[in-house]
N, C-alpha and C. Protein backbone atom coordinates (compact mmCIF):
# COMPACT_ATOMS: atom_id res chain seq x y z
N MET A 1 0.71 -1.21 0.02
CA MET A 1 -0.03 -0.03 -0.03
C MET A 1 0.94 1.22 0.05
N ASN A 2 1.98 1.37 0.78
CA ASN A 2 2.80 2.45 0.94
C ASN A 2 3.61 2.64 -0.47
N ALA A 3 3.83 1.56 -1.12
CA ALA A 3 4.58 1.61 -2.44
C ALA A 3 3.54 2.23 -3.51
N VAL A 4 2.26 2.04 -3.51
CA VAL A 4 1.35 2.49 -4.32
C VAL A 4 1.10 3.94 -4.06
N LEU A 5 1.05 4.49 -2.67
CA LEU A 5 0.99 5.87 -2.45
C LEU A 5 2.26 6.64 -2.75
N ILE A 6 3.43 6.03 -2.71
CA ILE A 6 4.53 6.73 -3.25
C ILE A 6 4.44 6.89 -4.62
N VAL A 7 4.14 5.80 -5.38
CA VAL A 7 4.13 6.05 -6.76
C VAL A 7 3.13 7.02 -7.26
N ILE A 8 1.97 6.95 -6.64
CA ILE A 8 0.89 7.93 -6.99
C ILE A 8 1.32 9.38 -6.81
N PHE A 9 2.19 9.58 -5.67
CA PHE A 9 2.91 10.87 -5.36
C PHE A 9 3.79 11.23 -6.63
N PHE A 10 4.45 10.21 -6.99
CA PHE A 10 5.44 10.61 -8.24
C PHE A 10 4.70 10.73 -9.45
N ILE A 11 3.61 10.28 -9.65
CA ILE A 11 2.87 10.33 -10.88
C ILE A 11 2.10 11.68 -10.87
N PHE A 12 1.32 11.98 -9.97
CA PHE A 12 0.34 13.14 -9.88
C PHE A 12 0.87 14.44 -9.33
N LEU A 13 1.55 14.34 -8.09
CA LEU A 13 1.78 15.50 -7.27
C LEU A 13 3.36 16.08 -7.47
N LEU A 14 4.21 15.22 -7.56
CA LEU A 14 5.54 15.65 -7.66
C LEU A 14 5.97 16.48 -9.06
N PRO A 15 5.40 16.06 -10.06
CA PRO A 15 5.66 16.75 -11.37
C PRO A 15 5.13 18.25 -11.17
N LYS A 16 3.96 18.32 -10.87
CA LYS A 16 3.26 19.77 -10.56
C LYS A 16 4.00 20.50 -9.62
N LEU A 17 4.49 19.95 -8.48
CA LEU A 17 5.13 20.72 -7.41
C LEU A 17 6.44 21.14 -8.02
N LEU A 18 7.19 20.24 -8.68
CA LEU A 18 8.45 20.65 -9.29
C LEU A 18 8.26 21.82 -10.41
N ALA A 19 7.42 21.64 -11.07
CA ALA A 19 7.15 22.67 -12.23
C ALA A 19 6.80 23.99 -11.68
N ALA A 20 5.86 23.96 -10.70
CA ALA A 20 5.51 25.18 -9.96
C ALA A 20 6.64 25.82 -9.36
N HIS A 21 7.41 25.04 -8.65
CA HIS A 21 8.62 25.56 -7.98
C HIS A 21 9.74 26.03 -8.87
N TYR A 22 9.82 25.32 -10.01
CA TYR A 22 10.97 25.71 -10.77
C TYR A 22 10.72 27.06 -11.64
N PHE A 23 9.45 27.04 -12.22
CA PHE A 23 9.00 28.07 -12.91
C PHE A 23 8.40 29.40 -12.20
N ARG A 24 8.49 29.52 -10.92
CA ARG A 24 7.73 30.49 -10.13
C ARG A 24 8.68 31.79 -10.23
N ASP A 25 8.25 33.00 -10.81
CA ASP A 25 8.77 34.22 -10.74
C ASP A 25 10.26 34.18 -10.79
N SER A 26 10.78 33.64 -11.81
CA SER A 26 12.21 33.64 -11.98
C SER A 26 12.66 33.80 -13.25
N ASP A 27 13.93 33.77 -13.46
CA ASP A 27 14.47 33.73 -14.96
C ASP A 27 13.89 32.55 -15.65
N ASP A 28 13.80 31.51 -14.92
CA ASP A 28 13.46 30.13 -15.39
C ASP A 28 12.05 30.21 -16.12
N SER A 29 10.97 31.02 -15.52
CA SER A 29 9.77 31.13 -15.95
C SER A 29 9.81 31.78 -17.32
N ARG A 30 10.71 32.73 -17.56
CA ARG A 30 10.80 33.44 -18.93
C ARG A 30 11.41 32.39 -19.87
N ARG A 31 12.02 31.25 -19.54
CA ARG A 31 12.48 30.33 -20.45
C ARG A 31 11.35 29.50 -21.18
N VAL A 32 10.15 29.38 -20.51
CA VAL A 32 9.02 28.63 -20.99
C VAL A 32 8.72 29.09 -22.36
N PRO A 33 8.26 30.35 -22.50
CA PRO A 33 7.86 30.85 -23.95
C PRO A 33 9.04 30.69 -24.97
N VAL A 34 10.13 31.02 -24.58
CA VAL A 34 11.36 30.90 -25.43
C VAL A 34 11.51 29.60 -25.93
N ALA A 35 11.50 28.46 -25.04
CA ALA A 35 11.60 27.16 -25.37
C ALA A 35 10.39 26.74 -26.30
N ALA A 36 9.26 27.01 -25.85
CA ALA A 36 8.08 26.62 -26.65
C ALA A 36 8.12 27.25 -28.01
N GLU A 37 8.64 28.44 -28.17
CA GLU A 37 8.73 29.07 -29.56
C GLU A 37 9.88 28.27 -30.27
N LYS A 38 10.96 27.97 -29.63
CA LYS A 38 12.16 27.42 -30.50
C LYS A 38 11.79 26.06 -30.86
N CYS A 39 11.29 25.22 -29.84
CA CYS A 39 11.21 23.81 -30.13
C CYS A 39 9.72 23.23 -30.75
N CYS A 40 8.69 24.10 -30.71
CA CYS A 40 7.35 23.65 -31.04
C CYS A 40 6.98 24.41 -32.33
N SER A 41 6.08 23.91 -32.91
CA SER A 41 5.50 24.64 -34.08
C SER A 41 4.57 25.65 -33.60
N LEU A 42 4.35 26.73 -34.38
CA LEU A 42 3.43 27.72 -34.08
C LEU A 42 2.20 27.22 -33.55
N ALA A 43 1.62 26.12 -34.25
CA ALA A 43 0.21 25.82 -33.77
C ALA A 43 0.44 24.90 -32.41
N ALA A 44 1.58 24.49 -31.99
CA ALA A 44 1.71 23.67 -30.76
C ALA A 44 2.34 24.50 -29.78
N GLU A 45 2.75 25.80 -29.84
CA GLU A 45 3.47 26.53 -28.88
C GLU A 45 2.80 26.68 -27.54
N GLU A 46 1.26 26.89 -27.62
CA GLU A 46 0.42 27.03 -26.35
C GLU A 46 0.45 25.88 -25.54
N CYS A 47 0.18 24.60 -26.36
CA CYS A 47 0.22 23.28 -25.60
C CYS A 47 1.69 23.00 -24.99
N CYS A 48 2.76 23.32 -25.58
CA CYS A 48 4.07 23.08 -25.19
C CYS A 48 4.20 23.84 -23.90
N SER A 49 3.76 25.08 -24.01
CA SER A 49 4.07 26.05 -22.69
C SER A 49 3.13 25.49 -21.63
N ARG A 50 1.94 25.06 -21.95
CA ARG A 50 0.98 24.45 -20.87
C ARG A 50 1.64 23.34 -20.18
N ALA A 51 2.18 22.34 -20.98
CA ALA A 51 2.94 21.17 -20.54
C ALA A 51 4.12 21.62 -19.59
N LEU A 52 4.84 22.40 -20.02
CA LEU A 52 5.94 22.97 -19.26
C LEU A 52 5.64 23.44 -17.92
N ARG A 53 4.64 24.49 -18.03
CA ARG A 53 4.15 24.98 -16.59
C ARG A 53 3.57 24.05 -15.85
N SER A 54 2.98 23.13 -16.23
CA SER A 54 2.06 22.29 -15.34
C SER A 54 2.92 21.00 -14.89
N GLY A 55 4.12 20.80 -15.72
CA GLY A 55 4.84 19.49 -15.21
C GLY A 55 4.34 18.34 -15.78
N GLU A 56 3.45 18.50 -16.75
CA GLU A 56 2.74 17.27 -17.26
C GLU A 56 3.44 16.84 -18.48
N PRO A 57 3.16 15.48 -18.78
CA PRO A 57 3.81 14.93 -20.10
C PRO A 57 3.38 15.90 -21.34
N LEU A 58 4.12 15.79 -22.40
CA LEU A 58 3.91 16.66 -23.58
C LEU A 58 2.93 15.85 -24.45
N ARG A 59 1.62 16.22 -24.43
CA ARG A 59 0.57 15.52 -25.24
C ARG A 59 -0.04 16.59 -26.06
N CYS A 60 0.47 16.82 -27.16
CA CYS A 60 -0.11 17.88 -28.09
C CYS A 60 -0.45 17.22 -29.30
N ASP A 61 -1.76 17.44 -29.81
CA ASP A 61 -2.16 16.95 -31.04
C ASP A 61 -1.54 17.66 -32.10
N GLU A 62 -1.03 18.76 -32.13
CA GLU A 62 -0.36 19.59 -33.04
C GLU A 62 0.97 19.07 -33.46
N ILE A 63 1.48 18.23 -32.53
CA ILE A 63 2.93 17.81 -32.80
C ILE A 63 2.83 16.33 -33.23
N PRO A 64 3.31 16.09 -34.64
CA PRO A 64 3.25 14.70 -35.20
C PRO A 64 4.01 13.87 -34.30
N GLU A 65 3.48 12.50 -34.23
CA GLU A 65 4.07 11.59 -33.43
C GLU A 65 5.61 11.17 -33.71
N HIS A 66 5.96 11.35 -34.85
CA HIS A 66 7.45 11.13 -35.24
C HIS A 66 8.32 12.33 -34.77
N ARG A 67 7.61 13.42 -34.23
CA ARG A 67 8.42 14.61 -33.78
C ARG A 67 8.42 14.79 -32.27
N VAL A 68 7.59 13.95 -31.59
CA VAL A 68 7.50 14.12 -30.23
C VAL A 68 8.75 13.87 -29.42
N ALA A 69 9.43 12.91 -29.53
CA ALA A 69 10.76 12.71 -28.93
C ALA A 69 11.79 13.92 -29.13
N GLU A 70 11.90 14.31 -30.43
CA GLU A 70 12.64 15.36 -30.73
C GLU A 70 12.35 16.81 -30.04
N THR A 71 10.88 16.94 -30.05
CA THR A 71 10.43 18.03 -29.14
C THR A 71 10.76 18.01 -27.77
N ILE A 72 10.64 16.80 -27.16
CA ILE A 72 10.78 16.89 -25.74
C ILE A 72 12.37 16.92 -25.37
N GLY A 73 13.13 16.55 -26.35
CA GLY A 73 14.49 16.64 -26.22
C GLY A 73 15.10 18.13 -26.19
N CYS A 74 14.30 18.74 -27.29
CA CYS A 74 14.76 20.25 -27.39
C CYS A 74 14.26 20.88 -26.11
N LEU A 75 13.06 20.79 -25.71
CA LEU A 75 12.52 21.53 -24.60
C LEU A 75 13.47 21.36 -23.36
N GLY A 76 13.78 20.07 -22.97
CA GLY A 76 14.67 19.64 -22.03
C GLY A 76 15.93 20.41 -22.02
N THR A 77 16.50 20.50 -23.32
CA THR A 77 17.83 21.13 -23.58
C THR A 77 17.75 22.61 -23.25
N MET A 78 16.70 23.24 -23.84
CA MET A 78 16.40 24.62 -23.72
C MET A 78 16.21 25.18 -22.20
N LEU A 79 15.56 24.17 -21.42
CA LEU A 79 15.18 24.63 -19.79
C LEU A 79 16.33 24.32 -19.04
N PHE A 80 17.13 23.21 -19.33
CA PHE A 80 18.20 22.90 -18.27
C PHE A 80 19.59 23.03 -18.80
N GLY A 81 19.78 23.47 -20.11
CA GLY A 81 21.06 23.88 -20.52
C GLY A 81 22.10 22.71 -20.87
N SER A 82 21.67 21.37 -20.70
CA SER A 82 22.42 20.31 -21.05
C SER A 82 21.61 19.30 -21.81
N THR A 83 22.15 18.12 -22.13
CA THR A 83 21.35 17.16 -22.75
C THR A 83 20.55 16.34 -21.71
N PRO A 84 19.18 16.56 -21.87
CA PRO A 84 18.31 15.97 -20.83
C PRO A 84 18.42 14.45 -21.06
N VAL A 85 17.83 13.74 -19.98
CA VAL A 85 17.62 12.23 -19.91
C VAL A 85 16.72 12.05 -21.16
N ASN A 86 17.40 11.43 -22.23
CA ASN A 86 16.81 11.21 -23.57
C ASN A 86 15.53 10.47 -23.48
N VAL A 87 14.54 10.92 -24.17
CA VAL A 87 13.19 10.36 -24.21
C VAL A 87 13.40 9.06 -25.20
N THR A 88 14.46 8.75 -25.85
CA THR A 88 14.70 7.62 -26.54
C THR A 88 14.89 6.38 -25.64
N LEU A 89 15.00 6.86 -24.31
CA LEU A 89 15.16 5.62 -23.32
C LEU A 89 13.81 5.06 -22.81
N LEU A 90 12.86 5.74 -23.41
CA LEU A 90 11.43 5.37 -23.09
C LEU A 90 11.11 3.79 -23.20
N PRO A 91 11.61 3.24 -24.27
CA PRO A 91 11.39 1.73 -24.43
C PRO A 91 11.88 0.88 -23.25
N CYS A 92 12.75 1.57 -22.52
CA CYS A 92 13.34 0.73 -21.21
C CYS A 92 12.15 0.59 -20.07
N CYS A 93 11.15 1.52 -20.24
CA CYS A 93 10.03 1.44 -19.38
C CYS A 93 9.26 0.07 -19.53
N ASP A 94 9.38 -0.57 -20.60
CA ASP A 94 8.81 -1.85 -20.81
C ASP A 94 9.22 -2.86 -19.80
N ALA A 95 10.44 -2.71 -19.12
CA ALA A 95 10.88 -3.64 -17.99
C ALA A 95 9.70 -3.73 -17.00
N TYR A 96 9.05 -2.57 -16.86
CA TYR A 96 7.93 -2.52 -15.74
C TYR A 96 6.51 -2.81 -16.15
N ARG A 97 6.30 -3.63 -17.26
CA ARG A 97 5.10 -3.88 -17.70
C ARG A 97 4.24 -4.66 -16.77
N ASP A 98 4.80 -5.44 -15.89
CA ASP A 98 4.06 -6.27 -14.91
C ASP A 98 3.73 -5.27 -13.76
N ASN A 99 4.25 -4.22 -13.51
CA ASN A 99 3.86 -3.33 -12.38
C ASN A 99 3.39 -2.12 -12.91
N GLU A 100 2.02 -2.06 -12.94
CA GLU A 100 1.32 -0.86 -13.60
C GLU A 100 1.81 0.41 -13.04
N ALA A 101 2.09 0.59 -11.79
CA ALA A 101 2.26 1.84 -11.18
C ALA A 101 3.65 2.42 -11.59
N CYS A 102 4.64 1.36 -11.61
CA CYS A 102 5.90 1.73 -12.01
C CYS A 102 5.95 1.95 -13.41
N PHE A 103 5.41 1.37 -14.21
CA PHE A 103 5.33 1.43 -15.58
C PHE A 103 4.87 2.89 -16.00
N LYS A 104 3.61 3.27 -15.40
CA LYS A 104 2.92 4.60 -15.77
C LYS A 104 3.87 5.58 -15.26
N THR A 105 4.56 5.57 -14.02
CA THR A 105 5.55 6.65 -13.64
C THR A 105 6.52 6.68 -14.62
N CYS A 106 7.19 5.59 -14.93
CA CYS A 106 8.31 5.72 -16.00
C CYS A 106 7.88 6.37 -17.24
N VAL A 107 6.77 6.07 -17.73
CA VAL A 107 6.52 6.71 -19.01
C VAL A 107 6.18 8.19 -18.88
N TYR A 108 5.50 8.49 -17.70
CA TYR A 108 5.15 9.83 -17.32
C TYR A 108 6.45 10.63 -17.26
N VAL A 109 7.48 10.18 -16.40
CA VAL A 109 8.58 11.01 -16.38
C VAL A 109 9.44 11.34 -17.59
N PHE A 110 9.53 10.27 -18.46
CA PHE A 110 10.25 10.33 -19.69
C PHE A 110 9.50 11.35 -20.69
N THR A 111 8.18 11.48 -20.58
CA THR A 111 7.52 12.38 -21.58
C THR A 111 7.29 13.65 -20.93
N ALA A 112 7.55 14.00 -19.81
CA ALA A 112 7.50 15.27 -19.07
C ALA A 112 8.67 16.20 -19.38
N PRO A 113 8.78 17.22 -20.26
CA PRO A 113 10.06 17.88 -20.52
C PRO A 113 10.28 18.78 -19.42
N SER A 114 9.58 19.10 -18.44
CA SER A 114 9.97 20.23 -17.40
C SER A 114 10.51 19.41 -16.34
N LEU A 115 10.66 18.20 -16.09
CA LEU A 115 11.28 17.52 -15.09
C LEU A 115 12.69 17.60 -15.28
N PRO A 116 13.41 18.13 -14.24
CA PRO A 116 14.89 18.01 -14.32
C PRO A 116 15.51 16.70 -14.59
N PRO A 117 16.58 16.57 -15.19
CA PRO A 117 17.21 15.25 -15.60
C PRO A 117 17.39 14.29 -14.35
N LYS A 118 17.95 14.95 -13.35
CA LYS A 118 18.11 14.00 -12.00
C LYS A 118 16.75 13.36 -11.50
N ARG A 119 15.72 14.18 -11.73
CA ARG A 119 14.40 13.66 -11.18
C ARG A 119 13.85 12.46 -12.02
N LYS A 120 14.11 12.60 -13.20
CA LYS A 120 13.58 11.62 -14.28
C LYS A 120 13.91 10.07 -13.80
N LEU A 121 15.07 9.92 -13.18
CA LEU A 121 15.54 8.49 -12.78
C LEU A 121 15.12 8.24 -11.38
N ALA A 122 14.74 9.16 -10.59
CA ALA A 122 14.53 9.00 -9.19
C ALA A 122 13.53 7.91 -8.91
N PHE A 123 12.48 7.98 -9.82
CA PHE A 123 11.43 7.07 -9.55
C PHE A 123 11.77 5.53 -9.24
N ARG A 124 12.93 5.27 -9.93
CA ARG A 124 13.48 3.70 -9.77
C ARG A 124 13.62 3.32 -8.37
N HIS A 125 14.18 4.16 -7.33
CA HIS A 125 14.23 3.90 -6.07
C HIS A 125 12.93 3.48 -5.32
N HIS A 126 11.91 4.19 -5.72
CA HIS A 126 10.54 3.64 -5.15
C HIS A 126 9.93 2.42 -5.83
N CYS A 127 10.52 2.09 -6.97
CA CYS A 127 9.92 1.00 -7.58
C CYS A 127 10.83 -0.43 -7.20
N ARG A 128 11.96 -0.09 -6.72
CA ARG A 128 12.88 -1.09 -6.38
C ARG A 128 12.27 -2.05 -5.41
N SER A 129 11.52 -1.70 -4.27
CA SER A 129 10.93 -2.60 -3.45
C SER A 129 9.89 -3.46 -3.93
N THR A 130 9.12 -2.94 -5.02
CA THR A 130 7.92 -3.74 -5.39
C THR A 130 8.41 -4.46 -6.80
N ALA A 131 9.37 -3.99 -7.41
CA ALA A 131 9.78 -4.55 -8.65
C ALA A 131 11.18 -4.61 -8.82
N SER A 132 11.97 -5.30 -8.01
CA SER A 132 13.40 -5.38 -8.08
C SER A 132 13.98 -5.94 -9.27
N ARG A 133 13.38 -6.96 -9.77
CA ARG A 133 13.97 -7.59 -10.96
C ARG A 133 13.63 -6.58 -12.26
N ALA A 134 12.54 -6.00 -12.21
CA ALA A 134 12.28 -4.93 -13.21
C ALA A 134 13.14 -3.89 -13.09
N THR A 135 13.49 -3.48 -12.00
CA THR A 135 14.44 -2.24 -11.88
C THR A 135 15.77 -2.72 -12.39
N GLN A 136 16.22 -3.93 -12.06
CA GLN A 136 17.54 -4.28 -12.70
C GLN A 136 17.48 -4.31 -14.16
N CYS A 137 16.44 -4.77 -14.67
CA CYS A 137 16.29 -4.87 -16.21
C CYS A 137 16.30 -3.42 -16.72
N PHE A 138 15.51 -2.60 -15.98
CA PHE A 138 15.48 -1.03 -16.52
C PHE A 138 16.89 -0.52 -16.67
N ASN A 139 17.53 -0.64 -15.43
CA ASN A 139 18.95 -0.21 -15.23
C ASN A 139 19.79 -0.80 -16.36
N ARG A 140 19.64 -1.89 -16.67
CA ARG A 140 20.51 -2.62 -17.75
C ARG A 140 20.19 -1.99 -19.00
N CYS A 141 18.85 -1.89 -19.39
CA CYS A 141 18.51 -1.24 -20.65
C CYS A 141 19.19 0.15 -20.81
N ILE A 142 18.92 0.96 -19.75
CA ILE A 142 19.29 2.37 -19.84
C ILE A 142 20.88 2.41 -20.02
N LEU A 143 21.61 1.42 -19.39
CA LEU A 143 23.11 1.61 -19.39
C LEU A 143 23.54 1.06 -20.92
N TRP A 144 22.85 0.14 -21.40
CA TRP A 144 23.07 -0.39 -22.75
C TRP A 144 22.78 0.72 -23.79
N LYS A 145 21.72 1.42 -23.69
CA LYS A 145 21.12 2.48 -24.57
C LYS A 145 22.12 3.75 -24.63
N MET A 146 22.51 3.99 -23.32
CA MET A 146 23.38 5.06 -23.27
C MET A 146 24.95 4.92 -23.80
N ARG A 147 25.33 3.49 -23.72
CA ARG A 147 26.77 3.22 -24.13
C ARG A 147 26.75 2.84 -25.53
N LYS A 148 25.62 2.30 -26.02
CA LYS A 148 25.78 1.63 -27.36
C LYS A 148 24.73 2.38 -28.34
N SER A 149 25.17 2.22 -29.73
CA SER A 149 24.29 2.82 -30.67
C SER A 149 23.30 1.64 -31.10
N GLU A 150 23.59 0.33 -30.81
CA GLU A 150 22.66 -0.74 -31.32
C GLU A 150 21.53 -0.88 -30.37
N PRO A 151 20.35 -1.44 -30.80
CA PRO A 151 19.21 -1.58 -29.94
C PRO A 151 19.55 -2.58 -28.87
N PHE A 152 18.83 -2.57 -27.87
CA PHE A 152 18.72 -3.55 -26.77
C PHE A 152 17.76 -4.58 -27.19
N THR A 153 18.33 -5.68 -27.62
CA THR A 153 17.65 -6.68 -28.20
C THR A 153 17.15 -7.97 -27.15
N HIS A 154 16.20 -8.32 -27.21
CA HIS A 154 15.68 -9.28 -26.25
C HIS A 154 16.53 -10.68 -26.32
N SER A 155 16.87 -11.02 -27.60
CA SER A 155 17.73 -12.30 -27.70
C SER A 155 18.97 -12.27 -27.01
N GLU A 156 19.69 -11.00 -26.86
CA GLU A 156 20.84 -10.74 -26.18
C GLU A 156 20.75 -10.62 -24.77
N HIS A 157 19.60 -10.28 -24.38
CA HIS A 157 19.29 -10.05 -22.91
C HIS A 157 18.06 -10.73 -22.27
N VAL A 158 18.02 -11.89 -22.79
CA VAL A 158 16.76 -12.76 -22.54
C VAL A 158 16.61 -12.92 -21.09
N ALA A 159 17.47 -12.94 -20.13
CA ALA A 159 17.44 -13.05 -18.85
C ALA A 159 16.57 -11.88 -18.17
N CYS A 160 16.60 -10.89 -18.83
CA CYS A 160 15.96 -9.75 -18.40
C CYS A 160 14.40 -9.70 -18.46
N THR A 161 13.87 -10.58 -19.24
CA THR A 161 12.48 -10.67 -19.38
C THR A 161 11.96 -12.06 -19.51
N ASP A 162 10.72 -12.41 -19.34
CA ASP A 162 10.14 -13.74 -19.55
C ASP A 162 9.77 -13.77 -21.10
N GLU A 163 10.05 -15.04 -21.64
CA GLU A 163 9.55 -15.31 -22.89
C GLU A 163 8.22 -15.83 -22.82
N GLU A 164 7.25 -15.05 -23.12
CA GLU A 164 5.84 -15.33 -22.97
C GLU A 164 5.13 -14.58 -24.28
N GLU A 165 4.14 -15.19 -24.83
CA GLU A 165 3.38 -14.48 -25.78
C GLU A 165 2.64 -13.41 -25.07
N ASP A 166 1.97 -12.43 -25.82
CA ASP A 166 1.34 -11.32 -25.52
C ASP A 166 2.00 -10.33 -24.57
N LYS A 167 3.44 -10.62 -24.41
CA LYS A 167 4.28 -9.55 -23.62
C LYS A 167 4.90 -8.77 -24.61
N ILE A 168 5.19 -7.45 -24.05
CA ILE A 168 5.94 -6.48 -25.02
C ILE A 168 7.38 -6.56 -24.52
N TYR A 169 8.20 -6.74 -25.39
CA TYR A 169 9.64 -6.68 -25.04
C TYR A 169 10.36 -5.60 -25.64
N PHE A 170 11.29 -4.97 -24.93
CA PHE A 170 11.89 -3.84 -25.47
C PHE A 170 13.02 -4.12 -26.42
N GLY A 171 13.43 -3.33 -27.37
CA GLY A 171 14.46 -3.67 -28.26
C GLY A 171 13.82 -3.99 -29.68
N GLU A 172 14.59 -4.17 -30.62
CA GLU A 172 14.15 -4.36 -32.03
C GLU A 172 13.57 -5.91 -32.22
N GLU A 173 12.50 -5.86 -33.07
CA GLU A 173 11.81 -7.07 -33.37
C GLU A 173 12.85 -8.05 -34.01
N LEU A 174 12.84 -9.31 -33.61
CA LEU A 174 13.59 -10.21 -34.24
C LEU A 174 12.86 -10.84 -35.42
N GLY A 175 13.37 -10.86 -36.73
CA GLY A 175 12.77 -11.45 -37.78
C GLY A 175 13.20 -12.93 -38.06
N PHE A 176 12.61 -14.00 -37.61
CA PHE A 176 13.00 -15.34 -37.84
C PHE A 176 12.12 -15.95 -38.99
């Protein structure tokens, strides 16, 4: 029960608190419209600004699906001045498919551009107690993706997941 409450805190409350604190009456709050203007199309600027100020994931119908990852990366770089935790790490969240709260938290933090990079990976500590094997898998996937340009393939890391039908595995599909 406590783990569920902690994850709920991470999903719903923490992003809003962080965004409100980070963008309150400071130079940082002036970065929001600049970031939205630079990274988002004119049609999506308002939606991007709203996501940044609220701490919510970027969900703008005006941004084509194939541009979402690039947009989130651009916004993170504009806000934090460094390469953000890359949204291309999002497939690693599949390690938590059997733990709904951890999976949703993982997807949430990787698609919320206003979360500082250090905060994006902090959720793992709270999922470790309820999904320790999944957290090990997630960490392995993150390390692999950060060090290598090749995809994290299921066949090479089979110990990380169970081979069952109807499961989603991260990495490239294997064509046999």
